[in-house]
Amino acid sequence: MTVITPNLALAGYRSFGKVPQYFDRFAKINLLIGRNDAETSNVLRFLDELVRVR
């Protein structure tokens, strides 16, 4: 299953606080880079849960 989303905003999910964090301009290939504890795993976890619901 392929899911394409143009952008994403996360708030109130796991380590994300109440203030939305925006991820803009997704493409066919995306790199998600961050230091340890930079919430990168939680972004991937959210996207995985989103795809499983559909």
N, C-alpha and C. Protein backbone atom coordinates (compact mmCIF):
# COMPACT_ATOMS: atom_id res chain seq x y z
N MET A 1 0.85 -1.18 0.00
CA MET A 1 0.00 0.00 0.00
C MET A 1 0.89 1.24 0.00
N THR A 2 0.60 2.16 -0.88
CA THR A 2 1.34 3.41 -0.94
C THR A 2 0.45 4.54 -0.45
N VAL A 3 1.00 5.29 0.49
CA VAL A 3 0.30 6.47 1.02
C VAL A 3 1.19 7.67 0.78
N ILE A 4 0.65 8.66 0.11
CA ILE A 4 1.42 9.88 -0.15
C ILE A 4 0.73 11.03 0.55
N THR A 5 1.49 11.72 1.38
CA THR A 5 0.96 12.89 2.08
C THR A 5 1.85 14.08 1.75
N PRO A 6 1.27 15.23 1.45
CA PRO A 6 2.09 16.39 1.08
C PRO A 6 2.83 17.02 2.26
N ASN A 7 2.26 16.89 3.47
CA ASN A 7 2.90 17.47 4.66
C ASN A 7 2.30 16.82 5.90
N LEU A 8 2.83 17.20 7.06
CA LEU A 8 2.40 16.57 8.31
C LEU A 8 2.61 17.55 9.45
N ALA A 9 1.69 17.56 10.39
CA ALA A 9 1.85 18.34 11.63
C ALA A 9 1.53 17.40 12.79
N LEU A 10 2.42 17.34 13.78
CA LEU A 10 2.24 16.47 14.94
C LEU A 10 2.18 17.29 16.22
N ALA A 11 1.22 16.96 17.07
CA ALA A 11 1.11 17.59 18.39
C ALA A 11 0.42 16.60 19.32
N GLY A 12 0.88 16.50 20.55
CA GLY A 12 0.23 15.66 21.53
C GLY A 12 0.41 14.17 21.31
N TYR A 13 1.38 13.78 20.54
CA TYR A 13 1.65 12.36 20.27
C TYR A 13 2.98 11.99 20.89
N ARG A 14 2.97 11.05 21.81
CA ARG A 14 4.16 10.56 22.50
C ARG A 14 5.01 11.72 23.03
N SER A 15 6.20 11.94 22.49
CA SER A 15 7.08 12.98 23.02
C SER A 15 6.80 14.36 22.45
N PHE A 16 5.82 14.49 21.56
CA PHE A 16 5.48 15.79 21.00
C PHE A 16 4.56 16.53 21.97
N GLY A 17 4.87 17.78 22.20
CA GLY A 17 4.06 18.59 23.11
C GLY A 17 2.80 19.12 22.46
N LYS A 18 2.21 20.12 23.07
CA LYS A 18 0.96 20.70 22.58
C LYS A 18 1.16 21.59 21.35
N VAL A 19 2.35 22.12 21.20
CA VAL A 19 2.64 23.00 20.06
C VAL A 19 2.95 22.13 18.84
N PRO A 20 2.21 22.30 17.74
CA PRO A 20 2.43 21.47 16.55
C PRO A 20 3.83 21.64 15.97
N GLN A 21 4.40 20.52 15.55
CA GLN A 21 5.67 20.50 14.83
C GLN A 21 5.33 20.18 13.38
N TYR A 22 5.79 21.00 12.45
CA TYR A 22 5.41 20.88 11.05
C TYR A 22 6.52 20.23 10.23
N PHE A 23 6.11 19.34 9.34
CA PHE A 23 7.01 18.69 8.40
C PHE A 23 6.41 18.98 7.01
N ASP A 24 7.09 19.78 6.23
CA ASP A 24 6.57 20.22 4.95
C ASP A 24 7.30 19.56 3.79
N ARG A 25 6.63 19.58 2.67
CA ARG A 25 7.20 19.19 1.38
C ARG A 25 7.79 17.78 1.33
N PHE A 26 6.97 16.79 1.61
CA PHE A 26 7.42 15.42 1.43
C PHE A 26 7.58 15.13 -0.05
N ALA A 27 8.51 14.24 -0.39
CA ALA A 27 8.76 13.85 -1.77
C ALA A 27 8.76 12.32 -1.85
N LYS A 28 9.13 11.78 -2.98
CA LYS A 28 9.17 10.33 -3.12
C LYS A 28 10.21 9.71 -2.20
N ILE A 29 11.30 10.40 -1.99
CA ILE A 29 12.36 9.93 -1.08
C ILE A 29 12.59 11.03 -0.06
N ASN A 30 12.53 10.66 1.23
CA ASN A 30 12.73 11.63 2.30
C ASN A 30 13.74 11.09 3.29
N LEU A 31 14.54 11.97 3.83
CA LEU A 31 15.48 11.63 4.89
C LEU A 31 15.02 12.32 6.17
N LEU A 32 15.00 11.57 7.23
CA LEU A 32 14.63 12.12 8.53
C LEU A 32 15.86 11.98 9.42
N ILE A 33 16.52 13.08 9.67
CA ILE A 33 17.79 13.07 10.39
C ILE A 33 17.63 13.88 11.67
N GLY A 34 18.14 13.34 12.75
CA GLY A 34 18.11 14.07 14.02
C GLY A 34 19.02 13.42 15.03
N ARG A 35 19.43 14.17 15.99
CA ARG A 35 20.29 13.63 17.05
C ARG A 35 19.46 12.68 17.92
N ASN A 36 20.11 11.97 18.81
CA ASN A 36 19.38 11.11 19.74
C ASN A 36 18.38 11.94 20.52
N ASP A 37 17.23 11.36 20.80
CA ASP A 37 16.13 12.04 21.50
C ASP A 37 15.57 13.22 20.71
N ALA A 38 15.66 13.17 19.39
CA ALA A 38 15.15 14.27 18.56
C ALA A 38 13.77 13.95 18.00
N GLU A 39 13.12 12.90 18.51
CA GLU A 39 11.75 12.52 18.14
C GLU A 39 11.62 11.92 16.75
N THR A 40 12.73 11.60 16.08
CA THR A 40 12.63 11.04 14.73
C THR A 40 11.93 9.69 14.74
N SER A 41 12.19 8.85 15.74
CA SER A 41 11.53 7.54 15.82
C SER A 41 10.02 7.70 16.02
N ASN A 42 9.61 8.70 16.76
CA ASN A 42 8.18 8.89 16.99
C ASN A 42 7.46 9.37 15.73
N VAL A 43 8.14 10.08 14.86
CA VAL A 43 7.53 10.47 13.58
C VAL A 43 7.29 9.21 12.75
N LEU A 44 8.29 8.34 12.68
CA LEU A 44 8.13 7.09 11.93
C LEU A 44 7.08 6.19 12.55
N ARG A 45 7.03 6.13 13.87
CA ARG A 45 6.02 5.33 14.57
C ARG A 45 4.61 5.85 14.25
N PHE A 46 4.44 7.17 14.25
CA PHE A 46 3.14 7.76 13.93
C PHE A 46 2.71 7.41 12.50
N LEU A 47 3.63 7.56 11.55
CA LEU A 47 3.31 7.24 10.16
C LEU A 47 2.96 5.76 10.00
N ASP A 48 3.66 4.90 10.71
CA ASP A 48 3.34 3.47 10.67
C ASP A 48 1.94 3.21 11.21
N GLU A 49 1.59 3.82 12.32
CA GLU A 49 0.26 3.65 12.89
C GLU A 49 -0.82 4.21 11.95
N LEU A 50 -0.53 5.31 11.30
CA LEU A 50 -1.46 5.92 10.37
C LEU A 50 -1.76 4.97 9.19
N VAL A 51 -0.73 4.36 8.66
CA VAL A 51 -0.89 3.45 7.52
C VAL A 51 -1.65 2.19 7.96
N ARG A 52 -1.40 1.69 9.16
CA ARG A 52 -2.09 0.47 9.63
C ARG A 52 -3.59 0.70 9.82
N VAL A 53 -3.99 1.92 10.16
CA VAL A 53 -5.41 2.22 10.37
C VAL A 53 -6.16 2.20 9.05
N ARG A 54 -5.51 2.63 7.99
CA ARG A 54 -6.17 2.71 6.68
C ARG A 54 -6.37 1.36 6.17
